[in-house]
Amino acid sequence: MNHSAEIFVALQRLLPQHALSRLIAKAAESKKPWLKNILIKKAISAFDINIDEAFSSDLNDYESFNAFFTRALKDGMRPVDPAQTSIISPADGAVSQAGAIDAQRIIQAKGSDYSASRLVGCPEQAAGYENGSFTTIYLSPRDYHRVHLPVAGRLLNTRYIPGDLFSVNDKTAQALPGLFARNERLVCEFETHLGNMVVVFVGAMLVAGIETVWGGFETPGRGAVRFTDYSADDLNYEKGAEIGRFKFGSTVILLFQEGKITWSDSLLPGTKVQMGEKIAESNRTQ
């Protein structure tokens, strides 16, 4: 571990993570034209955001900074791979890691891993993904921030797990053991034609909220674990359907059961991906 990464993590430990995120959320939800336009312009400049991809490039069409940050894209900007056997990227971002779940250990960074049980908050649920497959995708502030389903599925349950709000960038992932199992997160399990699949929304420093299409906002906090059973609600989503969004940069983790998929050879740490592109192939015999 390098000293700059250690210092970066140490500084984050000193910050009032949740209070700071709530403060950012208040500013990001402001509908005052002068404030939200300043924030949007600063973000476009600082993060080199490609506004030309957005459904609207007129800042007046966004009632708040968060409305801009979770902006829709123009039709056709993220085509979904049509092959029946393909698994698509759920988001724009960069691959942190991808590979096999070794028993119940998931690689976080070179020389560092964490347990699937801690990640999903339930040993029984984690057991279903033993020796399965995972990938972790980091969304930077410049990326499109809506999350989509990598394969068609029916929502079974969610588990909101309160926790820390450390940054989830590569420097922190390299320096802080168990990062993704420490941060606040929303664990969503789906039933698919490949068996069950988990999509984890991982909260982070300055993330002003996680939102899903079925449950609305999951705002940062220190409350109790909340488990919700949706198995009787018939919430079905097609491959590529939007399922949620982040109110700032963060991370999505996918878990598949043993023997169900094979990651694309190109899915290496640092690889840039876009929502809709093929990242894996189904092992199911058609």
Foldseek 3Di string as FASTA:
>chain_A
DDPVLVVLVVVQVPDPQQVQLQVLLVQQQDQPVVSQVVVQVCLCVVVVADLVQFCDSDPVVARGNLCVQQTDGHPPPFAAPPDQFFFWAFFWFFWAAWDWQAQQWDDLHVPAIDGVCLLQVHPVVSNQQGRWIKIKGWFAQNTNWFTFGRAKWWWFKKKWAAAGAAASDPSNSVPPHPVNSGFTKMWIWTQHPLGIKIKIWGHHGNWQFKQFPPPGTDGHDDDHMDMDGCNPVRHIDHRGHTTIGISGIGMMMMTGHHPFKAFDPPRHGGDTHHGNDGGIGTPDDD
